[in-house]
Amino acid sequence: MGAIVVGVGPGTFTGVRIAVATARALSLALDVPVLGVSTLGAMAAAAALGLARGGLVCARAKRGEAPGAVLGPAPGAEMPLMVVPVVDARRGQVFFGIYEAVERPAHVDGAELGAGPLWARTSAFAACDKEALAQAVTAPSLVVAEDHELLGELPTGVASAVVEVAAEWLVIGQESLDEPGGGPCGWRVGSWLREALAGNVPVWPEGVKPIYVRAPDADVHITKMKDPWVRTAGGRGSPAER
């Protein structure tokens, strides 16, 4: 094993902590570099690759069902200008990110990019009530989620598709994303992996940090017990720091 790539959330607080802790431990034990990629970024990568291939990537209609649903706009539909990945945040809320289509340069910092548009995230990940998601998207857009039940009523012109959160999307399709911050994420993942496998990336597991977006349930309950009227940090509609 030459390198480790791990999903760092957002997601369930315990699940994200376990994934990050395991990846850090493996990095130290095997003396290999580790990279964290967001769960929402993985879903956006799946959507971007599906759109670049003409919407011919299969997804699951519901948990446990065989693949069969087609990811992407219906034939003749307008190509989306925005991709919005969504995951369950519990408490009647969802985590989401907004990726906007921008012109794809032939090369960026020496990294060769694939076909189709580049999907750029220009704002932090956020959490909101399911019903409020419609206010964050504008047509034409494609909203991708693990389950259609996570989505409320969407505006006219906003398509939706179901995408399974799978580990391969932490790498595959990332070349179609432009993430903020300039770190080894989005289209830079490929370059990072090449350097890591060549032994040119330092082993620094402490650099992989979870993305929580909001405070864990336990902190919220404790805060409300102390002051029932307080609005907790990272609450409804509050953006993440990343």
C-alpha atoms as a PDB file:
ATOM      1  CA  MET A   1       0.000   0.000   0.000  1.00  0.00           C
ATOM      2  CA  GLY A   2       1.471   3.318  -1.083  1.00  0.00           C
ATOM      3  CA  ALA A   3      -1.155   5.809   0.079  1.00  0.00           C
ATOM      4  CA  ILE A   4      -4.522   6.094   1.832  1.00  0.00           C
ATOM      5  CA  VAL A   5      -7.532   8.205   0.827  1.00  0.00           C
ATOM      6  CA  VAL A   6     -10.355   8.509   3.365  1.00  0.00           C
ATOM      7  CA  GLY A   7     -13.764  10.163   3.431  1.00  0.00           C
ATOM      8  CA  VAL A   8     -13.794  12.878   6.085  1.00  0.00           C
ATOM      9  CA  GLY A   9     -17.469  13.825   6.120  1.00  0.00           C
ATOM     10  CA  PRO A  10     -19.762  15.474   6.624  1.00  0.00           C
ATOM     11  CA  GLY A  11     -21.830  12.595   7.948  1.00  0.00           C
ATOM     12  CA  THR A  12     -22.667  11.034  11.280  1.00  0.00           C
ATOM     13  CA  PHE A  13     -20.338  12.341  13.981  1.00  0.00           C
ATOM     14  CA  THR A  14     -19.270   8.881  15.183  1.00  0.00           C
ATOM     15  CA  GLY A  15     -18.849   7.460  11.690  1.00  0.00           C
ATOM     16  CA  VAL A  16     -16.656  10.338  10.541  1.00  0.00           C
ATOM     17  CA  ARG A  17     -14.462  10.152  13.659  1.00  0.00           C
ATOM     18  CA  ILE A  18     -13.993   6.378  13.279  1.00  0.00           C
ATOM     19  CA  ALA A  19     -13.068   6.685   9.588  1.00  0.00           C
ATOM     20  CA  VAL A  20     -10.546   9.462  10.189  1.00  0.00           C
ATOM     21  CA  ALA A  21      -9.020   7.771  13.251  1.00  0.00           C
ATOM     22  CA  THR A  22      -8.648   4.477  11.370  1.00  0.00           C
ATOM     23  CA  ALA A  23      -6.996   6.159   8.384  1.00  0.00           C
ATOM     24  CA  ARG A  24      -4.593   8.049  10.646  1.00  0.00           C
ATOM     25  CA  ALA A  25      -3.670   4.853  12.495  1.00  0.00           C
ATOM     26  CA  LEU A  26      -3.042   2.973   9.244  1.00  0.00           C
ATOM     27  CA  SER A  27      -0.931   5.853   7.967  1.00  0.00           C
ATOM     28  CA  LEU A  28       1.294   5.693  11.039  1.00  0.00           C
ATOM     29  CA  ALA A  29       1.456   1.895  11.120  1.00  0.00           C
ATOM     30  CA  LEU A  30       2.273   1.513   7.421  1.00  0.00           C
ATOM     31  CA  ASP A  31       4.312   4.725   7.139  1.00  0.00           C
ATOM     32  CA  VAL A  32       2.322   5.922   4.119  1.00  0.00           C
ATOM     33  CA  PRO A  33       0.727   9.333   3.442  1.00  0.00           C
ATOM     34  CA  VAL A  34      -3.006   9.826   3.924  1.00  0.00           C
ATOM     35  CA  LEU A  35      -5.416  12.241   2.234  1.00  0.00           C
ATOM     36  CA  GLY A  36      -8.905  13.273   3.322  1.00  0.00           C
ATOM     37  CA  VAL A  37     -11.655  13.899   0.745  1.00  0.00           C
ATOM     38  CA  SER A  38     -15.131  15.126   1.635  1.00  0.00           C
ATOM     39  CA  THR A  39     -18.179  12.886   1.308  1.00  0.00           C
ATOM     40  CA  LEU A  40     -20.025  15.603  -0.592  1.00  0.00           C
ATOM     41  CA  GLY A  41     -17.051  15.971  -2.918  1.00  0.00           C
ATOM     42  CA  ALA A  42     -17.219  12.242  -3.647  1.00  0.00           C
ATOM     43  CA  MET A  43     -20.891  12.508  -4.574  1.00  0.00           C
ATOM     44  CA  ALA A  44     -20.212  15.559  -6.732  1.00  0.00           C
ATOM     45  CA  ALA A  45     -17.465  13.606  -8.515  1.00  0.00           C
ATOM     46  CA  ALA A  46     -19.907  10.787  -9.283  1.00  0.00           C
ATOM     47  CA  ALA A  47     -22.413  13.278 -10.676  1.00  0.00           C
ATOM     48  CA  ALA A  48     -19.778  15.116 -12.718  1.00  0.00           C
ATOM     49  CA  LEU A  49     -18.526  11.891 -14.278  1.00  0.00           C
ATOM     50  CA  GLY A  50     -22.071  10.785 -15.031  1.00  0.00           C
ATOM     51  CA  LEU A  51     -22.868  14.072 -16.762  1.00  0.00           C
ATOM     52  CA  ALA A  52     -19.604  13.984 -18.735  1.00  0.00           C
ATOM     53  CA  ARG A  53     -20.567  10.525 -20.008  1.00  0.00           C
ATOM     54  CA  GLY A  54     -23.995  11.651 -21.083  1.00  0.00           C
ATOM     55  CA  GLY A  55     -25.834  10.547 -17.974  1.00  0.00           C
ATOM     56  CA  LEU A  56     -25.040   6.866 -18.461  1.00  0.00           C
ATOM     57  CA  VAL A  57     -23.839   6.085 -14.937  1.00  0.00           C
ATOM     58  CA  CYS A  58     -26.168   3.773 -13.044  1.00  0.00           C
ATOM     59  CA  ALA A  59     -27.260   4.537  -9.504  1.00  0.00           C
ATOM     60  CA  ARG A  60     -29.482   2.773  -6.989  1.00  0.00           C
ATOM     61  CA  ALA A  61     -33.073   3.878  -6.791  1.00  0.00           C
ATOM     62  CA  LYS A  62     -33.322   2.854  -3.130  1.00  0.00           C
ATOM     63  CA  ARG A  63     -31.060   1.186  -0.618  1.00  0.00           C
ATOM     64  CA  GLY A  64     -30.797  -2.532  -1.308  1.00  0.00           C
ATOM     65  CA  GLU A  65     -32.210  -2.372  -4.836  1.00  0.00           C
ATOM     66  CA  ALA A  66     -30.284  -3.415  -7.920  1.00  0.00           C
ATOM     67  CA  PRO A  67     -28.731  -0.633 -10.049  1.00  0.00           C
ATOM     68  CA  GLY A  68     -30.993   0.708 -12.726  1.00  0.00           C
ATOM     69  CA  ALA A  69     -31.708   4.411 -12.360  1.00  0.00           C
ATOM     70  CA  VAL A  70     -29.915   6.665 -14.827  1.00  0.00           C
ATOM     71  CA  LEU A  71     -27.857   9.481 -13.383  1.00  0.00           C
ATOM     72  CA  GLY A  72     -28.147  12.750 -15.268  1.00  0.00           C
ATOM     73  CA  PRO A  73     -30.774  14.870 -17.005  1.00  0.00           C
ATOM     74  CA  ALA A  74     -33.476  13.269 -19.114  1.00  0.00           C
ATOM     75  CA  PRO A  75     -32.943  13.280 -22.904  1.00  0.00           C
ATOM     76  CA  GLY A  76     -33.524  16.779 -24.223  1.00  0.00           C
ATOM     77  CA  ALA A  77     -33.313  18.367 -20.787  1.00  0.00           C
ATOM     78  CA  GLU A  78     -31.153  21.414 -20.217  1.00  0.00           C
ATOM     79  CA  MET A  79     -27.621  20.668 -19.007  1.00  0.00           C
ATOM     80  CA  PRO A  80     -27.357  21.720 -15.346  1.00  0.00           C
ATOM     81  CA  LEU A  81     -25.242  24.712 -14.373  1.00  0.00           C
ATOM     82  CA  MET A  82     -25.069  23.551 -10.764  1.00  0.00           C
ATOM     83  CA  VAL A  83     -24.515  20.186  -9.060  1.00  0.00           C
ATOM     84  CA  VAL A  84     -25.704  19.929  -5.446  1.00  0.00           C
ATOM     85  CA  PRO A  85     -24.672  16.789  -3.503  1.00  0.00           C
ATOM     86  CA  VAL A  86     -26.781  16.043  -0.412  1.00  0.00           C
ATOM     87  CA  VAL A  87     -26.294  13.636   2.513  1.00  0.00           C
ATOM     88  CA  ASP A  88     -28.392  12.920   5.577  1.00  0.00           C
ATOM     89  CA  ALA A  89     -27.595  15.169   8.558  1.00  0.00           C
ATOM     90  CA  ARG A  90     -30.238  13.693  10.886  1.00  0.00           C
ATOM     91  CA  ARG A  91     -32.463  16.003  12.997  1.00  0.00           C
ATOM     92  CA  GLY A  92     -34.602  16.533   9.874  1.00  0.00           C
ATOM     93  CA  GLN A  93     -31.710  18.238   8.102  1.00  0.00           C
ATOM     94  CA  VAL A  94     -29.303  17.608   5.225  1.00  0.00           C
ATOM     95  CA  PHE A  95     -25.680  18.515   4.548  1.00  0.00           C
ATOM     96  CA  PHE A  96     -25.104  19.977   1.093  1.00  0.00           C
ATOM     97  CA  GLY A  97     -22.519  21.614  -1.144  1.00  0.00           C
ATOM     98  CA  ILE A  98     -22.891  23.707  -4.284  1.00  0.00           C
ATOM     99  CA  TYR A  99     -20.689  23.140  -7.326  1.00  0.00           C
ATOM    100  CA  GLU A 100     -21.074  25.499 -10.287  1.00  0.00           C
ATOM    101  CA  ALA A 101     -20.071  24.724 -13.866  1.00  0.00           C
ATOM    102  CA  VAL A 102     -17.104  26.765 -15.099  1.00  0.00           C
ATOM    103  CA  GLU A 103     -14.996  26.600 -18.236  1.00  0.00           C
ATOM    104  CA  ARG A 104     -12.425  23.845 -17.979  1.00  0.00           C
ATOM    105  CA  PRO A 105      -8.845  24.924 -18.779  1.00  0.00           C
ATOM    106  CA  ALA A 106      -6.713  22.461 -20.735  1.00  0.00           C
ATOM    107  CA  HIS A 107      -4.158  22.337 -17.930  1.00  0.00           C
ATOM    108  CA  VAL A 108      -4.137  23.631 -14.370  1.00  0.00           C
ATOM    109  CA  ASP A 109      -0.808  23.609 -12.536  1.00  0.00           C
ATOM    110  CA  GLY A 110       0.378  20.883 -14.908  1.00  0.00           C
ATOM    111  CA  ALA A 111      -2.538  18.539 -14.173  1.00  0.00           C
ATOM    112  CA  GLU A 112      -4.310  17.210 -17.248  1.00  0.00           C
ATOM    113  CA  LEU A 113      -8.066  17.410 -16.846  1.00  0.00           C
ATOM    114  CA  GLY A 114     -10.692  15.290 -18.526  1.00  0.00           C
ATOM    115  CA  ALA A 115     -13.624  16.197 -20.734  1.00  0.00           C
ATOM    116  CA  GLY A 116     -16.708  18.158 -19.746  1.00  0.00           C
ATOM    117  CA  PRO A 117     -17.024  21.235 -17.539  1.00  0.00           C
ATOM    118  CA  LEU A 118     -15.123  21.844 -14.337  1.00  0.00           C
ATOM    119  CA  TRP A 119     -17.393  21.992 -11.286  1.00  0.00           C
ATOM    120  CA  ALA A 120     -16.172  24.629  -8.843  1.00  0.00           C
ATOM    121  CA  ARG A 121     -17.249  24.909  -5.209  1.00  0.00           C
ATOM    122  CA  THR A 122     -17.085  28.534  -4.127  1.00  0.00           C
ATOM    123  CA  SER A 123     -18.809  28.349  -0.736  1.00  0.00           C
ATOM    124  CA  ALA A 124     -18.546  26.276   2.438  1.00  0.00           C
ATOM    125  CA  PHE A 125     -20.540  23.109   3.030  1.00  0.00           C
ATOM    126  CA  ALA A 126     -23.703  23.801   5.008  1.00  0.00           C
ATOM    127  CA  ALA A 127     -26.658  22.178   6.771  1.00  0.00           C
ATOM    128  CA  CYS A 128     -30.313  23.099   6.417  1.00  0.00           C
ATOM    129  CA  ASP A 129     -33.794  21.679   6.911  1.00  0.00           C
ATOM    130  CA  LYS A 130     -34.837  19.336   4.108  1.00  0.00           C
ATOM    131  CA  GLU A 131     -37.647  21.688   3.112  1.00  0.00           C
ATOM    132  CA  ALA A 132     -35.223  24.638   2.911  1.00  0.00           C
ATOM    133  CA  LEU A 133     -32.929  22.986   0.371  1.00  0.00           C
ATOM    134  CA  ALA A 134     -35.031  24.371  -2.483  1.00  0.00           C
ATOM    135  CA  GLN A 135     -33.966  27.883  -1.485  1.00  0.00           C
ATOM    136  CA  ALA A 136     -30.291  27.020  -2.018  1.00  0.00           C
ATOM    137  CA  VAL A 137     -30.591  25.741  -5.601  1.00  0.00           C
ATOM    138  CA  THR A 138     -31.530  27.480  -8.823  1.00  0.00           C
ATOM    139  CA  ALA A 139     -32.461  25.961 -12.166  1.00  0.00           C
ATOM    140  CA  PRO A 140     -31.049  24.350 -14.144  1.00  0.00           C
ATOM    141  CA  SER A 141     -29.456  22.182 -11.455  1.00  0.00           C
ATOM    142  CA  LEU A 142     -28.894  18.533 -10.594  1.00  0.00           C
ATOM    143  CA  VAL A 143     -29.331  17.493  -6.950  1.00  0.00           C
ATOM    144  CA  VAL A 144     -27.801  14.122  -6.042  1.00  0.00           C
ATOM    145  CA  ALA A 145     -28.583  12.303  -2.800  1.00  0.00           C
ATOM    146  CA  GLU A 146     -28.362   8.857  -1.215  1.00  0.00           C
ATOM    147  CA  ASP A 147     -32.152   8.671  -1.106  1.00  0.00           C
ATOM    148  CA  HIS A 148     -34.932  10.759  -2.658  1.00  0.00           C
ATOM    149  CA  GLU A 149     -36.554  10.888   0.774  1.00  0.00           C
ATOM    150  CA  LEU A 150     -33.806  13.305   1.821  1.00  0.00           C
ATOM    151  CA  LEU A 151     -35.083  15.876  -0.653  1.00  0.00           C
ATOM    152  CA  GLY A 152     -38.035  18.151  -0.165  1.00  0.00           C
ATOM    153  CA  GLU A 153     -40.011  19.776  -2.967  1.00  0.00           C
ATOM    154  CA  LEU A 154     -37.510  21.077  -5.536  1.00  0.00           C
ATOM    155  CA  PRO A 155     -38.078  24.030  -7.877  1.00  0.00           C
ATOM    156  CA  THR A 156     -39.094  23.551 -11.497  1.00  0.00           C
ATOM    157  CA  GLY A 157     -36.065  22.854 -13.646  1.00  0.00           C
ATOM    158  CA  VAL A 158     -34.104  21.193 -10.845  1.00  0.00           C
ATOM    159  CA  ALA A 159     -33.477  17.502 -11.549  1.00  0.00           C
ATOM    160  CA  SER A 160     -32.582  14.923  -8.917  1.00  0.00           C
ATOM    161  CA  ALA A 161     -30.836  11.557  -8.934  1.00  0.00           C
ATOM    162  CA  VAL A 162     -29.796   8.949  -6.386  1.00  0.00           C
ATOM    163  CA  VAL A 163     -26.070   8.259  -5.971  1.00  0.00           C
ATOM    164  CA  GLU A 164     -24.549   5.731  -3.615  1.00  0.00           C
ATOM    165  CA  VAL A 165     -21.746   7.107  -1.457  1.00  0.00           C
ATOM    166  CA  ALA A 166     -18.930   4.809  -2.589  1.00  0.00           C
ATOM    167  CA  ALA A 167     -15.215   4.862  -1.785  1.00  0.00           C
ATOM    168  CA  GLU A 168     -14.123   4.947  -5.432  1.00  0.00           C
ATOM    169  CA  TRP A 169     -15.576   8.434  -5.866  1.00  0.00           C
ATOM    170  CA  LEU A 170     -12.995   9.734  -3.391  1.00  0.00           C
ATOM    171  CA  VAL A 171     -10.566   9.407  -6.329  1.00  0.00           C
ATOM    172  CA  ILE A 172     -12.467   8.683  -9.558  1.00  0.00           C
ATOM    173  CA  GLY A 173     -14.100  11.800 -10.971  1.00  0.00           C
ATOM    174  CA  GLN A 174     -12.240  14.195  -8.678  1.00  0.00           C
ATOM    175  CA  GLU A 175     -10.453  15.573 -11.750  1.00  0.00           C
ATOM    176  CA  SER A 176     -13.743  17.277 -12.639  1.00  0.00           C
ATOM    177  CA  LEU A 177     -13.951  19.248  -9.372  1.00  0.00           C
ATOM    178  CA  ASP A 178     -12.290  22.476  -8.290  1.00  0.00           C
ATOM    179  CA  GLU A 179     -12.288  22.719  -4.498  1.00  0.00           C
ATOM    180  CA  PRO A 180     -11.398  25.944  -2.641  1.00  0.00           C
ATOM    181  CA  GLY A 181      -8.264  26.375  -0.589  1.00  0.00           C
ATOM    182  CA  GLY A 182      -5.618  25.141  -3.007  1.00  0.00           C
ATOM    183  CA  GLY A 183      -4.979  21.929  -1.050  1.00  0.00           C
ATOM    184  CA  PRO A 184      -4.697  18.398  -2.495  1.00  0.00           C
ATOM    185  CA  CYS A 185      -8.405  18.001  -3.265  1.00  0.00           C
ATOM    186  CA  GLY A 186     -10.581  18.044  -6.368  1.00  0.00           C
ATOM    187  CA  TRP A 187      -8.508  17.948  -9.561  1.00  0.00           C
ATOM    188  CA  ARG A 188      -5.331  18.048  -7.449  1.00  0.00           C
ATOM    189  CA  VAL A 189      -6.005  14.565  -5.999  1.00  0.00           C
ATOM    190  CA  GLY A 190      -4.448  12.869  -9.026  1.00  0.00           C
ATOM    191  CA  SER A 191      -1.213  14.832  -8.700  1.00  0.00           C
ATOM    192  CA  TRP A 192      -1.098  14.117  -4.959  1.00  0.00           C
ATOM    193  CA  LEU A 193      -1.498  10.380  -5.557  1.00  0.00           C
ATOM    194  CA  ARG A 194       1.258  10.296  -8.161  1.00  0.00           C
ATOM    195  CA  GLU A 195       3.627  12.117  -5.819  1.00  0.00           C
ATOM    196  CA  ALA A 196       2.573   9.953  -2.859  1.00  0.00           C
ATOM    197  CA  LEU A 197       3.176   6.704  -4.730  1.00  0.00           C
ATOM    198  CA  ALA A 198       6.568   8.041  -5.809  1.00  0.00           C
ATOM    199  CA  GLY A 199       7.477   8.610  -2.170  1.00  0.00           C
ATOM    200  CA  ASN A 200       7.514  12.403  -2.456  1.00  0.00           C
ATOM    201  CA  VAL A 201       4.721  13.163   0.047  1.00  0.00           C
ATOM    202  CA  PRO A 202       5.498  13.280   3.789  1.00  0.00           C
ATOM    203  CA  VAL A 203       3.582  11.077   6.218  1.00  0.00           C
ATOM    204  CA  TRP A 204       1.472  13.564   8.171  1.00  0.00           C
ATOM    205  CA  PRO A 205      -1.728  11.914   9.475  1.00  0.00           C
ATOM    206  CA  GLU A 206      -2.503  14.898  11.725  1.00  0.00           C
ATOM    207  CA  GLY A 207      -3.252  16.889   8.580  1.00  0.00           C
ATOM    208  CA  VAL A 208      -6.397  14.838   7.912  1.00  0.00           C
ATOM    209  CA  LYS A 209      -9.257  16.465   9.796  1.00  0.00           C
ATOM    210  CA  PRO A 210     -12.976  15.612   9.971  1.00  0.00           C
ATOM    211  CA  ILE A 211     -15.588  17.891   8.411  1.00  0.00           C
ATOM    212  CA  TYR A 212     -18.476  18.171  10.855  1.00  0.00           C
ATOM    213  CA  VAL A 213     -20.318  21.289   9.540  1.00  0.00           C
ATOM    214  CA  ARG A 214     -22.237  21.560  12.829  1.00  0.00           C
ATOM    215  CA  ALA A 215     -21.879  20.558  16.468  1.00  0.00           C
ATOM    216  CA  PRO A 216     -22.488  16.879  17.385  1.00  0.00           C
ATOM    217  CA  ASP A 217     -25.844  15.912  18.899  1.00  0.00           C
ATOM    218  CA  ALA A 218     -24.354  15.456  22.372  1.00  0.00           C
ATOM    219  CA  ASP A 219     -23.012  19.025  22.429  1.00  0.00           C
ATOM    220  CA  VAL A 220     -26.361  20.381  21.274  1.00  0.00           C
ATOM    221  CA  HIS A 221     -28.262  18.526  24.003  1.00  0.00           C
ATOM    222  CA  ILE A 222     -25.842  19.692  26.696  1.00  0.00           C
ATOM    223  CA  THR A 223     -26.071  23.297  25.511  1.00  0.00           C
ATOM    224  CA  LYS A 224     -29.872  23.207  25.449  1.00  0.00           C
ATOM    225  CA  MET A 225     -29.961  21.741  28.939  1.00  0.00           C
ATOM    226  CA  LYS A 226     -27.911  24.701  30.159  1.00  0.00           C
ATOM    227  CA  ASP A 227     -29.909  27.280  28.201  1.00  0.00           C
ATOM    228  CA  PRO A 228     -33.040  26.096  26.326  1.00  0.00           C
ATOM    229  CA  TRP A 229     -33.228  29.343  24.338  1.00  0.00           C
ATOM    230  CA  VAL A 230     -29.681  29.452  22.995  1.00  0.00           C
ATOM    231  CA  ARG A 231     -29.040  28.994  19.270  1.00  0.00           C
ATOM    232  CA  THR A 232     -26.173  26.513  19.033  1.00  0.00           C
ATOM    233  CA  ALA A 233     -23.169  27.195  16.813  1.00  0.00           C
ATOM    234  CA  GLY A 234     -23.259  25.190  13.602  1.00  0.00           C
ATOM    235  CA  GLY A 235     -27.037  25.027  13.836  1.00  0.00           C
ATOM    236  CA  ARG A 236     -29.595  25.200  11.094  1.00  0.00           C
ATOM    237  CA  GLY A 237     -28.281  26.804   7.964  1.00  0.00           C
ATOM    238  CA  SER A 238     -24.855  27.469   9.463  1.00  0.00           C
ATOM    239  CA  PRO A 239     -21.936  26.929   7.063  1.00  0.00           C
ATOM    240  CA  ALA A 240     -18.901  24.833   7.785  1.00  0.00           C
ATOM    241  CA  GLU A 241     -15.386  26.164   8.070  1.00  0.00           C
ATOM    242  CA  ARG A 242     -14.252  24.222   5.041  1.00  0.00           C
END
